[in-house]
Amino acid sequence: MLSNEYYDIIFKMKKYQDLLKGAAYVTQFGFTIVCPPIIMAMLGFWLQRKFSLGSWVMIIAILTGLLAAASSAWSFFRSLDREEAKKEAVYKEKTNYNRHG
């Protein structure tokens, strides 16, 4: 039989795993929101300087970046929702005692 120390170690590892997973989600969401507008603004700045275009290029580039960030955030939240629904389905399947067969 396993000792209580073993279970304590597993519990602590699970707690840290959940903490690191949450930190990874926050970091990923931050990059999802911040990177597209910055990249598109840099592209707009480059296009403005390279081809001597007006400031309308920068406006279009930033708006495109914001739309890309919103789309990525929406996709990120949908994937989190699907992951949570999958966990709930597995939990409900495990705790169903009314199956007859």
PDB file of N, CA and C in Angstrom:
ATOM      1  N   MET A   1       0.840  -1.178   0.000  1.00  0.00           N
ATOM      2  CA  MET A   1       0.000   0.000   0.000  1.00  0.00           C
ATOM      3  C   MET A   1       0.885   1.241   0.000  1.00  0.00           C
ATOM      4  N   LEU A   2       0.416   2.289  -0.629  1.00  0.00           N
ATOM      5  CA  LEU A   2       1.199   3.515  -0.731  1.00  0.00           C
ATOM      6  C   LEU A   2       1.056   4.345   0.541  1.00  0.00           C
ATOM      7  N   SER A   3       2.120   5.060   0.856  1.00  0.00           N
ATOM      8  CA  SER A   3       2.122   5.853   2.082  1.00  0.00           C
ATOM      9  C   SER A   3       1.407   7.190   1.863  1.00  0.00           C
ATOM     10  N   ASN A   4       1.115   7.849   2.963  1.00  0.00           N
ATOM     11  CA  ASN A   4       0.462   9.153   2.896  1.00  0.00           C
ATOM     12  C   ASN A   4       1.367  10.204   2.270  1.00  0.00           C
ATOM     13  N   GLU A   5       2.677  10.047   2.424  1.00  0.00           N
ATOM     14  CA  GLU A   5       3.617  10.996   1.823  1.00  0.00           C
ATOM     15  C   GLU A   5       3.479  10.989   0.301  1.00  0.00           C
ATOM     16  N   TYR A   6       3.299   9.808  -0.253  1.00  0.00           N
ATOM     17  CA  TYR A   6       3.138   9.688  -1.702  1.00  0.00           C
ATOM     18  C   TYR A   6       1.901  10.464  -2.168  1.00  0.00           C
ATOM     19  N   TYR A   7       0.791  10.316  -1.456  1.00  0.00           N
ATOM     20  CA  TYR A   7      -0.434  11.032  -1.824  1.00  0.00           C
ATOM     21  C   TYR A   7      -0.283  12.532  -1.642  1.00  0.00           C
ATOM     22  N   ASP A   8       0.467  12.958  -0.630  1.00  0.00           N
ATOM     23  CA  ASP A   8       0.716  14.386  -0.426  1.00  0.00           C
ATOM     24  C   ASP A   8       1.511  14.967  -1.588  1.00  0.00           C
ATOM     25  N   ILE A   9       2.503  14.214  -2.049  1.00  0.00           N
ATOM     26  CA  ILE A   9       3.311  14.678  -3.180  1.00  0.00           C
ATOM     27  C   ILE A   9       2.459  14.783  -4.437  1.00  0.00           C
ATOM     28  N   ILE A  10       1.619  13.797  -4.680  1.00  0.00           N
ATOM     29  CA  ILE A  10       0.748  13.829  -5.869  1.00  0.00           C
ATOM     30  C   ILE A  10      -0.212  15.005  -5.794  1.00  0.00           C
ATOM     31  N   PHE A  11      -0.774  15.257  -4.614  1.00  0.00           N
ATOM     32  CA  PHE A  11      -1.709  16.374  -4.446  1.00  0.00           C
ATOM     33  C   PHE A  11      -1.008  17.698  -4.706  1.00  0.00           C
ATOM     34  N   LYS A  12       0.223  17.865  -4.199  1.00  0.00           N
ATOM     35  CA  LYS A  12       0.967  19.111  -4.421  1.00  0.00           C
ATOM     36  C   LYS A  12       1.305  19.274  -5.896  1.00  0.00           C
ATOM     37  N   MET A  13       1.693  18.187  -6.551  1.00  0.00           N
ATOM     38  CA  MET A  13       2.009  18.260  -7.972  1.00  0.00           C
ATOM     39  C   MET A  13       0.779  18.647  -8.777  1.00  0.00           C
ATOM     40  N   LYS A  14      -0.374  18.115  -8.439  1.00  0.00           N
ATOM     41  CA  LYS A  14      -1.620  18.435  -9.133  1.00  0.00           C
ATOM     42  C   LYS A  14      -1.961  19.913  -8.952  1.00  0.00           C
ATOM     43  N   LYS A  15      -1.743  20.419  -7.733  1.00  0.00           N
ATOM     44  CA  LYS A  15      -2.032  21.821  -7.461  1.00  0.00           C
ATOM     45  C   LYS A  15      -1.119  22.725  -8.289  1.00  0.00           C
ATOM     46  N   TYR A  16       0.173  22.392  -8.347  1.00  0.00           N
ATOM     47  CA  TYR A  16       1.102  23.182  -9.145  1.00  0.00           C
ATOM     48  C   TYR A  16       0.810  23.043 -10.634  1.00  0.00           C
ATOM     49  N   GLN A  17       0.391  21.882 -11.056  1.00  0.00           N
ATOM     50  CA  GLN A  17       0.050  21.682 -12.459  1.00  0.00           C
ATOM     51  C   GLN A  17      -1.133  22.571 -12.846  1.00  0.00           C
ATOM     52  N   ASP A  18      -2.141  22.637 -11.990  1.00  0.00           N
ATOM     53  CA  ASP A  18      -3.283  23.506 -12.267  1.00  0.00           C
ATOM     54  C   ASP A  18      -2.865  24.970 -12.281  1.00  0.00           C
ATOM     55  N   LEU A  19      -1.969  25.362 -11.376  1.00  0.00           N
ATOM     56  CA  LEU A  19      -1.488  26.738 -11.323  1.00  0.00           C
ATOM     57  C   LEU A  19      -0.710  27.091 -12.588  1.00  0.00           C
ATOM     58  N   LEU A  20       0.175  26.200 -13.019  1.00  0.00           N
ATOM     59  CA  LEU A  20       0.945  26.441 -14.237  1.00  0.00           C
ATOM     60  C   LEU A  20       0.060  26.449 -15.479  1.00  0.00           C
ATOM     61  N   LYS A  21      -0.952  25.601 -15.486  1.00  0.00           N
ATOM     62  CA  LYS A  21      -1.881  25.584 -16.614  1.00  0.00           C
ATOM     63  C   LYS A  21      -2.643  26.903 -16.703  1.00  0.00           C
ATOM     64  N   GLY A  22      -3.074  27.432 -15.561  1.00  0.00           N
ATOM     65  CA  GLY A  22      -3.749  28.728 -15.543  1.00  0.00           C
ATOM     66  C   GLY A  22      -2.837  29.849 -15.999  1.00  0.00           C
ATOM     67  N   ALA A  23      -1.578  29.817 -15.558  1.00  0.00           N
ATOM     68  CA  ALA A  23      -0.618  30.835 -15.985  1.00  0.00           C
ATOM     69  C   ALA A  23      -0.370  30.753 -17.492  1.00  0.00           C
ATOM     70  N   ALA A  24      -0.328  29.546 -18.022  1.00  0.00           N
ATOM     71  CA  ALA A  24      -0.134  29.377 -19.467  1.00  0.00           C
ATOM     72  C   ALA A  24      -1.327  29.932 -20.244  1.00  0.00           C
ATOM     73  N   TYR A  25      -2.545  29.706 -19.733  1.00  0.00           N
ATOM     74  CA  TYR A  25      -3.729  30.246 -20.399  1.00  0.00           C
ATOM     75  C   TYR A  25      -3.722  31.775 -20.397  1.00  0.00           C
ATOM     76  N   VAL A  26      -3.354  32.372 -19.272  1.00  0.00           N
ATOM     77  CA  VAL A  26      -3.320  33.836 -19.178  1.00  0.00           C
ATOM     78  C   VAL A  26      -2.276  34.398 -20.137  1.00  0.00           C
ATOM     79  N   THR A  27      -1.109  33.767 -20.182  1.00  0.00           N
ATOM     80  CA  THR A  27      -0.048  34.219 -21.079  1.00  0.00           C
ATOM     81  C   THR A  27      -0.479  34.072 -22.538  1.00  0.00           C
ATOM     82  N   GLN A  28      -1.064  32.947 -22.876  1.00  0.00           N
ATOM     83  CA  GLN A  28      -1.509  32.731 -24.249  1.00  0.00           C
ATOM     84  C   GLN A  28      -2.572  33.747 -24.645  1.00  0.00           C
ATOM     85  N   PHE A  29      -3.505  34.017 -23.732  1.00  0.00           N
ATOM     86  CA  PHE A  29      -4.547  34.995 -24.032  1.00  0.00           C
ATOM     87  C   PHE A  29      -3.934  36.384 -24.226  1.00  0.00           C
ATOM     88  N   GLY A  30      -2.951  36.733 -23.401  1.00  0.00           N
ATOM     89  CA  GLY A  30      -2.289  38.029 -23.547  1.00  0.00           C
ATOM     90  C   GLY A  30      -1.621  38.174 -24.902  1.00  0.00           C
ATOM     91  N   PHE A  31      -0.881  37.146 -25.313  1.00  0.00           N
ATOM     92  CA  PHE A  31      -0.244  37.196 -26.627  1.00  0.00           C
ATOM     93  C   PHE A  31      -1.286  37.219 -27.744  1.00  0.00           C
ATOM     94  N   THR A  32      -2.379  36.526 -27.554  1.00  0.00           N
ATOM     95  CA  THR A  32      -3.436  36.494 -28.559  1.00  0.00           C
ATOM     96  C   THR A  32      -4.026  37.878 -28.780  1.00  0.00           C
ATOM     97  N   ILE A  33      -4.144  38.655 -27.725  1.00  0.00           N
ATOM     98  CA  ILE A  33      -4.736  39.986 -27.819  1.00  0.00           C
ATOM     99  C   ILE A  33      -3.721  41.035 -28.278  1.00  0.00           C
ATOM    100  N   VAL A  34      -2.489  40.949 -27.790  1.00  0.00           N
ATOM    101  CA  VAL A  34      -1.509  42.020 -28.006  1.00  0.00           C
ATOM    102  C   VAL A  34      -0.775  41.905 -29.339  1.00  0.00           C
ATOM    103  N   CYS A  35      -0.391  40.709 -29.732  1.00  0.00           N
ATOM    104  CA  CYS A  35       0.484  40.552 -30.897  1.00  0.00           C
ATOM    105  C   CYS A  35      -0.114  40.982 -32.242  1.00  0.00           C
ATOM    106  N   PRO A  36      -1.330  40.584 -32.602  1.00  0.00           N
ATOM    107  CA  PRO A  36      -1.820  40.964 -33.931  1.00  0.00           C
ATOM    108  C   PRO A  36      -1.877  42.478 -34.188  1.00  0.00           C
ATOM    109  N   PRO A  37      -2.391  43.296 -33.256  1.00  0.00           N
ATOM    110  CA  PRO A  37      -2.378  44.739 -33.552  1.00  0.00           C
ATOM    111  C   PRO A  37      -0.970  45.316 -33.674  1.00  0.00           C
ATOM    112  N   ILE A  38      -0.035  44.826 -32.855  1.00  0.00           N
ATOM    113  CA  ILE A  38       1.330  45.344 -32.925  1.00  0.00           C
ATOM    114  C   ILE A  38       1.993  44.952 -34.237  1.00  0.00           C
ATOM    115  N   ILE A  39       1.827  43.707 -34.627  1.00  0.00           N
ATOM    116  CA  ILE A  39       2.423  43.250 -35.892  1.00  0.00           C
ATOM    117  C   ILE A  39       1.825  44.009 -37.072  1.00  0.00           C
ATOM    118  N   MET A  40       0.514  44.190 -37.058  1.00  0.00           N
ATOM    119  CA  MET A  40      -0.129  44.914 -38.160  1.00  0.00           C
ATOM    120  C   MET A  40       0.255  46.394 -38.157  1.00  0.00           C
ATOM    121  N   ALA A  41       0.436  46.994 -36.984  1.00  0.00           N
ATOM    122  CA  ALA A  41       0.884  48.393 -36.922  1.00  0.00           C
ATOM    123  C   ALA A  41       2.294  48.526 -37.485  1.00  0.00           C
ATOM    124  N   MET A  42       3.160  47.563 -37.173  1.00  0.00           N
ATOM    125  CA  MET A  42       4.516  47.592 -37.727  1.00  0.00           C
ATOM    126  C   MET A  42       4.483  47.419 -39.247  1.00  0.00           C
ATOM    127  N   LEU A  43       3.616  46.532 -39.721  1.00  0.00           N
ATOM    128  CA  LEU A  43       3.468  46.347 -41.162  1.00  0.00           C
ATOM    129  C   LEU A  43       2.938  47.622 -41.820  1.00  0.00           C
ATOM    130  N   GLY A  44       1.949  48.250 -41.192  1.00  0.00           N
ATOM    131  CA  GLY A  44       1.413  49.509 -41.728  1.00  0.00           C
ATOM    132  C   GLY A  44       2.463  50.600 -41.758  1.00  0.00           C
ATOM    133  N   PHE A  45       3.283  50.681 -40.706  1.00  0.00           N
ATOM    134  CA  PHE A  45       4.363  51.677 -40.667  1.00  0.00           C
ATOM    135  C   PHE A  45       5.360  51.430 -41.785  1.00  0.00           C
ATOM    136  N   TRP A  46       5.711  50.144 -41.988  1.00  0.00           N
ATOM    137  CA  TRP A  46       6.654  49.798 -43.048  1.00  0.00           C
ATOM    138  C   TRP A  46       6.072  50.143 -44.423  1.00  0.00           C
ATOM    139  N   LEU A  47       4.797  49.804 -44.636  1.00  0.00           N
ATOM    140  CA  LEU A  47       4.163  50.114 -45.922  1.00  0.00           C
ATOM    141  C   LEU A  47       4.105  51.617 -46.158  1.00  0.00           C
ATOM    142  N   GLN A  48       3.829  52.374 -45.096  1.00  0.00           N
ATOM    143  CA  GLN A  48       3.781  53.834 -45.213  1.00  0.00           C
ATOM    144  C   GLN A  48       5.132  54.384 -45.656  1.00  0.00           C
ATOM    145  N   ARG A  49       6.195  53.918 -45.037  1.00  0.00           N
ATOM    146  CA  ARG A  49       7.541  54.423 -45.345  1.00  0.00           C
ATOM    147  C   ARG A  49       8.050  53.910 -46.694  1.00  0.00           C
ATOM    148  N   LYS A  50       7.781  52.648 -46.981  1.00  0.00           N
ATOM    149  CA  LYS A  50       8.324  52.031 -48.198  1.00  0.00           C
ATOM    150  C   LYS A  50       7.675  52.603 -49.462  1.00  0.00           C
ATOM    151  N   PHE A  51       6.357  52.781 -49.447  1.00  0.00           N
ATOM    152  CA  PHE A  51       5.642  53.185 -50.651  1.00  0.00           C
ATOM    153  C   PHE A  51       5.081  54.600 -50.561  1.00  0.00           C
ATOM    154  N   SER A  52       5.466  55.369 -49.550  1.00  0.00           N
ATOM    155  CA  SER A  52       5.025  56.759 -49.353  1.00  0.00           C
ATOM    156  C   SER A  52       3.499  56.872 -49.392  1.00  0.00           C
ATOM    157  N   LEU A  53       2.831  56.002 -48.651  1.00  0.00           N
ATOM    158  CA  LEU A  53       1.375  56.013 -48.596  1.00  0.00           C
ATOM    159  C   LEU A  53       0.916  56.896 -47.440  1.00  0.00           C
ATOM    160  N   GLY A  54      -0.352  57.248 -47.458  1.00  0.00           N
ATOM    161  CA  GLY A  54      -0.910  58.114 -46.425  1.00  0.00           C
ATOM    162  C   GLY A  54      -1.153  57.373 -45.117  1.00  0.00           C
ATOM    163  N   SER A  55      -1.705  58.117 -44.172  1.00  0.00           N
ATOM    164  CA  SER A  55      -1.949  57.533 -42.848  1.00  0.00           C
ATOM    165  C   SER A  55      -3.139  56.573 -42.859  1.00  0.00           C
ATOM    166  N   TRP A  56      -3.871  56.513 -43.948  1.00  0.00           N
ATOM    167  CA  TRP A  56      -4.981  55.573 -44.036  1.00  0.00           C
ATOM    168  C   TRP A  56      -4.493  54.123 -43.963  1.00  0.00           C
ATOM    169  N   VAL A  57      -3.256  53.873 -44.402  1.00  0.00           N
ATOM    170  CA  VAL A  57      -2.698  52.525 -44.345  1.00  0.00           C
ATOM    171  C   VAL A  57      -2.544  52.078 -42.891  1.00  0.00           C
ATOM    172  N   MET A  58      -2.091  53.006 -42.053  1.00  0.00           N
ATOM    173  CA  MET A  58      -1.910  52.676 -40.637  1.00  0.00           C
ATOM    174  C   MET A  58      -3.254  52.393 -39.973  1.00  0.00           C
ATOM    175  N   ILE A  59      -4.268  53.156 -40.309  1.00  0.00           N
ATOM    176  CA  ILE A  59      -5.602  52.943 -39.734  1.00  0.00           C
ATOM    177  C   ILE A  59      -6.142  51.575 -40.137  1.00  0.00           C
ATOM    178  N   ILE A  60      -6.018  51.251 -41.426  1.00  0.00           N
ATOM    179  CA  ILE A  60      -6.491  49.951 -41.910  1.00  0.00           C
ATOM    180  C   ILE A  60      -5.703  48.810 -41.264  1.00  0.00           C
ATOM    181  N   ALA A  61      -4.391  48.990 -41.132  1.00  0.00           N
ATOM    182  CA  ALA A  61      -3.557  47.944 -40.535  1.00  0.00           C
ATOM    183  C   ALA A  61      -3.935  47.711 -39.072  1.00  0.00           C
ATOM    184  N   ILE A  62      -4.129  48.780 -38.306  1.00  0.00           N
ATOM    185  CA  ILE A  62      -4.482  48.622 -36.894  1.00  0.00           C
ATOM    186  C   ILE A  62      -5.865  48.008 -36.749  1.00  0.00           C
ATOM    187  N   LEU A  63      -6.819  48.440 -37.571  1.00  0.00           N
ATOM    188  CA  LEU A  63      -8.161  47.846 -37.513  1.00  0.00           C
ATOM    189  C   LEU A  63      -8.123  46.359 -37.876  1.00  0.00           C
ATOM    190  N   THR A  64      -7.321  46.012 -38.858  1.00  0.00           N
ATOM    191  CA  THR A  64      -7.168  44.604 -39.224  1.00  0.00           C
ATOM    192  C   THR A  64      -6.553  43.809 -38.071  1.00  0.00           C
ATOM    193  N   GLY A  65      -5.573  44.387 -37.416  1.00  0.00           N
ATOM    194  CA  GLY A  65      -4.960  43.735 -36.263  1.00  0.00           C
ATOM    195  C   GLY A  65      -5.943  43.551 -35.124  1.00  0.00           C
ATOM    196  N   LEU A  66      -6.784  44.559 -34.876  1.00  0.00           N
ATOM    197  CA  LEU A  66      -7.791  44.438 -33.815  1.00  0.00           C
ATOM    198  C   LEU A  66      -8.827  43.370 -34.151  1.00  0.00           C
ATOM    199  N   LEU A  67      -9.228  43.297 -35.419  1.00  0.00           N
ATOM    200  CA  LEU A  67     -10.165  42.246 -35.825  1.00  0.00           C
ATOM    201  C   LEU A  67      -9.533  40.860 -35.697  1.00  0.00           C
ATOM    202  N   ALA A  68      -8.264  40.753 -36.052  1.00  0.00           N
ATOM    203  CA  ALA A  68      -7.570  39.471 -35.912  1.00  0.00           C
ATOM    204  C   ALA A  68      -7.455  39.087 -34.435  1.00  0.00           C
ATOM    205  N   ALA A  69      -7.188  40.067 -33.572  1.00  0.00           N
ATOM    206  CA  ALA A  69      -7.095  39.790 -32.133  1.00  0.00           C
ATOM    207  C   ALA A  69      -8.449  39.345 -31.584  1.00  0.00           C
ATOM    208  N   ALA A  70      -9.524  40.001 -32.001  1.00  0.00           N
ATOM    209  CA  ALA A  70     -10.858  39.620 -31.529  1.00  0.00           C
ATOM    210  C   ALA A  70     -11.217  38.213 -32.004  1.00  0.00           C
ATOM    211  N   SER A  71     -10.891  37.911 -33.245  1.00  0.00           N
ATOM    212  CA  SER A  71     -11.165  36.574 -33.774  1.00  0.00           C
ATOM    213  C   SER A  71     -10.361  35.514 -33.034  1.00  0.00           C
ATOM    214  N   SER A  72      -9.103  35.799 -32.765  1.00  0.00           N
ATOM    215  CA  SER A  72      -8.267  34.840 -32.033  1.00  0.00           C
ATOM    216  C   SER A  72      -8.758  34.654 -30.603  1.00  0.00           C
ATOM    217  N   ALA A  73      -9.188  35.738 -29.962  1.00  0.00           N
ATOM    218  CA  ALA A  73      -9.708  35.635 -28.594  1.00  0.00           C
ATOM    219  C   ALA A  73     -10.985  34.810 -28.577  1.00  0.00           C
ATOM    220  N   TRP A  74     -11.847  35.027 -29.552  1.00  0.00           N
ATOM    221  CA  TRP A  74     -13.091  34.255 -29.642  1.00  0.00           C
ATOM    222  C   TRP A  74     -12.788  32.768 -29.815  1.00  0.00           C
ATOM    223  N   SER A  75     -11.838  32.461 -30.681  1.00  0.00           N
ATOM    224  CA  SER A  75     -11.450  31.076 -30.909  1.00  0.00           C
ATOM    225  C   SER A  75     -10.839  30.470 -29.641  1.00  0.00           C
ATOM    226  N   PHE A  76     -10.041  31.248 -28.924  1.00  0.00           N
ATOM    227  CA  PHE A  76      -9.421  30.789 -27.688  1.00  0.00           C
ATOM    228  C   PHE A  76     -10.482  30.448 -26.648  1.00  0.00           C
ATOM    229  N   PHE A  77     -11.470  31.335 -26.481  1.00  0.00           N
ATOM    230  CA  PHE A  77     -12.524  31.084 -25.506  1.00  0.00           C
ATOM    231  C   PHE A  77     -13.396  29.891 -25.902  1.00  0.00           C
ATOM    232  N   ARG A  78     -13.641  29.729 -27.191  1.00  0.00           N
ATOM    233  CA  ARG A  78     -14.411  28.565 -27.634  1.00  0.00           C
ATOM    234  C   ARG A  78     -13.676  27.268 -27.329  1.00  0.00           C
ATOM    235  N   SER A  79     -12.350  27.253 -27.541  1.00  0.00           N
ATOM    236  CA  SER A  79     -11.588  26.031 -27.252  1.00  0.00           C
ATOM    237  C   SER A  79     -11.587  25.732 -25.751  1.00  0.00           C
ATOM    238  N   LEU A  80     -11.519  26.775 -24.913  1.00  0.00           N
ATOM    239  CA  LEU A  80     -11.608  26.560 -23.467  1.00  0.00           C
ATOM    240  C   LEU A  80     -12.973  26.011 -23.086  1.00  0.00           C
ATOM    241  N   ASP A  81     -14.021  26.529 -23.717  1.00  0.00           N
ATOM    242  CA  ASP A  81     -15.372  26.071 -23.427  1.00  0.00           C
ATOM    243  C   ASP A  81     -15.553  24.613 -23.839  1.00  0.00           C
ATOM    244  N   ARG A  82     -15.031  24.244 -25.009  1.00  0.00           N
ATOM    245  CA  ARG A  82     -15.119  22.846 -25.452  1.00  0.00           C
ATOM    246  C   ARG A  82     -14.350  21.918 -24.535  1.00  0.00           C
ATOM    247  N   GLU A  83     -13.187  22.363 -24.064  1.00  0.00           N
ATOM    248  CA  GLU A  83     -12.389  21.551 -23.147  1.00  0.00           C
ATOM    249  C   GLU A  83     -13.134  21.338 -21.826  1.00  0.00           C
ATOM    250  N   GLU A  84     -13.770  22.383 -21.323  1.00  0.00           N
ATOM    251  CA  GLU A  84     -14.537  22.273 -20.084  1.00  0.00           C
ATOM    252  C   GLU A  84     -15.751  21.369 -20.270  1.00  0.00           C
ATOM    253  N   ALA A  85     -16.428  21.482 -21.412  1.00  0.00           N
ATOM    254  CA  ALA A  85     -17.585  20.624 -21.684  1.00  0.00           C
ATOM    255  C   ALA A  85     -17.165  19.157 -21.776  1.00  0.00           C
ATOM    256  N   LYS A  86     -15.999  18.909 -22.360  1.00  0.00           N
ATOM    257  CA  LYS A  86     -15.499  17.538 -22.460  1.00  0.00           C
ATOM    258  C   LYS A  86     -15.211  16.976 -21.065  1.00  0.00           C
ATOM    259  N   LYS A  87     -14.618  17.789 -20.177  1.00  0.00           N
ATOM    260  CA  LYS A  87     -14.351  17.342 -18.812  1.00  0.00           C
ATOM    261  C   LYS A  87     -15.651  17.050 -18.068  1.00  0.00           C
ATOM    262  N   GLU A  88     -16.659  17.894 -18.258  1.00  0.00           N
ATOM    263  CA  GLU A  88     -17.945  17.677 -17.592  1.00  0.00           C
ATOM    264  C   GLU A  88     -18.618  16.409 -18.105  1.00  0.00           C
ATOM    265  N   ALA A  89     -18.516  16.154 -19.400  1.00  0.00           N
ATOM    266  CA  ALA A  89     -19.125  14.955 -19.968  1.00  0.00           C
ATOM    267  C   ALA A  89     -18.464  13.701 -19.404  1.00  0.00           C
ATOM    268  N   VAL A  90     -17.160  13.718 -19.277  1.00  0.00           N
ATOM    269  CA  VAL A  90     -16.450  12.572 -18.716  1.00  0.00           C
ATOM    270  C   VAL A  90     -16.836  12.393 -17.258  1.00  0.00           C
ATOM    271  N   TYR A  91     -16.948  13.495 -16.525  1.00  0.00           N
ATOM    272  CA  TYR A  91     -17.319  13.414 -15.110  1.00  0.00           C
ATOM    273  C   TYR A  91     -18.738  12.869 -14.952  1.00  0.00           C
ATOM    274  N   LYS A  92     -19.667  13.353 -15.773  1.00  0.00           N
ATOM    275  CA  LYS A  92     -21.048  12.870 -15.687  1.00  0.00           C
ATOM    276  C   LYS A  92     -21.140  11.393 -16.059  1.00  0.00           C
ATOM    277  N   GLU A  93     -20.347  10.971 -17.038  1.00  0.00           N
ATOM    278  CA  GLU A  93     -20.362   9.576 -17.455  1.00  0.00           C
ATOM    279  C   GLU A  93     -19.832   8.671 -16.344  1.00  0.00           C
ATOM    280  N   LYS A  94     -18.839   9.146 -15.617  1.00  0.00           N
ATOM    281  CA  LYS A  94     -18.267   8.344 -14.540  1.00  0.00           C
ATOM    282  C   LYS A  94     -19.195   8.242 -13.339  1.00  0.00           C
ATOM    283  N   THR A  95     -20.022   9.261 -13.130  1.00  0.00           N
ATOM    284  CA  THR A  95     -20.851   9.279 -11.919  1.00  0.00           C
ATOM    285  C   THR A  95     -22.293   8.875 -12.180  1.00  0.00           C
ATOM    286  N   ASN A  96     -22.566   8.298 -13.322  1.00  0.00           N
ATOM    287  CA  ASN A  96     -23.936   7.876 -13.635  1.00  0.00           C
ATOM    288  C   ASN A  96     -24.143   6.469 -13.091  1.00  0.00           C
ATOM    289  N   TYR A  97     -24.991   6.374 -12.064  1.00  0.00           N
ATOM    290  CA  TYR A  97     -25.261   5.085 -11.443  1.00  0.00           C
ATOM    291  C   TYR A  97     -26.564   4.460 -11.914  1.00  0.00           C
ATOM    292  N   ASN A  98     -27.268   5.084 -12.815  1.00  0.00           N
ATOM    293  CA  ASN A  98     -28.573   4.611 -13.251  1.00  0.00           C
ATOM    294  C   ASN A  98     -28.514   3.821 -14.550  1.00  0.00           C
ATOM    295  N   ARG A  99     -27.366   3.406 -14.960  1.00  0.00           N
ATOM    296  CA  ARG A  99     -27.259   2.615 -16.185  1.00  0.00           C
ATOM    297  C   ARG A  99     -27.693   1.193 -15.933  1.00  0.00           C
ATOM    298  N   HIS A 100     -28.481   0.705 -16.851  1.00  0.00           N
ATOM    299  CA  HIS A 100     -28.898  -0.688 -16.784  1.00  0.00           C
ATOM    300  C   HIS A 100     -28.464  -1.370 -18.078  1.00  0.00           C
ATOM    301  N   GLY A 101     -27.938  -2.508 -17.968  1.00  0.00           N
ATOM    302  CA  GLY A 101     -27.525  -3.096 -19.207  1.00  0.00           C
ATOM    303  C   GLY A 101     -27.124  -4.451 -19.123  1.00  0.00           C
TER     304      GLY A 101
END
